[in-house]
Amino acid sequence: MGGPKPEHLYMEGQYFPMDEYLKDRTCVTEVDNYVVARTRVIHGDPSFCNTLLRAKYTLIDLDLPHTILEDDANKYLSLGGASTEVYPLAGNFDINNDGERENIGWIKAYSPAGRGCDIERFVQLDAKRAHIANTKLTEMLGATCSSYYRAFRFEGRTYLENRRFEPYYYTNILKEVVALDGDKRRVVCEYAYNPN
């Protein structure tokens, strides 16, 4: 009754969304190791996916100014009654591994209606980082409910991590890893957690 939703942290009678776009994810605790040991690869190359599950990698910086408004973000998130936010900084990096750098923004929405729907996702921005670009890339970067995407580099390629929160252990771990290759999107790793 009333326990934490998987995608939230429950503290002092309130639910809090996972966390901000934190660059450094290299701190691994004993609890993290315990949860990782009970996580298995259900899709993808087991060797590669297990390496990512245990790897200490750093998220790609979002460190550039932008002027995107929350109203602009609302139409891409399409969640009625949701509280929408635009992360205050943008990035310029090759998110889809095509050799070209793109202006990238990070937007979030948390909707408590019904079972709730939380989304943290990327969008392509225009050249001046003033508007969300209505492009194939923005469409490919779309997310469903309970998606918390961050970008990282590993062995010379960009990947998107999608994490889930394990409320019993108060830690978050990988749910899936996505790669964009030009105009194609594929889930390269998918994980399942088994507490037993």
Foldseek 3Di string as FASTA:
>chain_A
DPAADFQWADDPNDTDGDDDQDFFPQDADPLLVLQLVQKAWPFADRVVQNCVQPPGFTFDDFAAAAAEDQVLVCVQQVDPQKDKDWPGGWDWQDQQPPPHTFIKTWMWIWHVPDVIFIDIWMFTADPRRYHGDPDLVRVLGDDGGQFHWTWTDDPHFIKIFTWIHDHVSRDIGTQWIWHHHPNDIDTNTGMDGDND
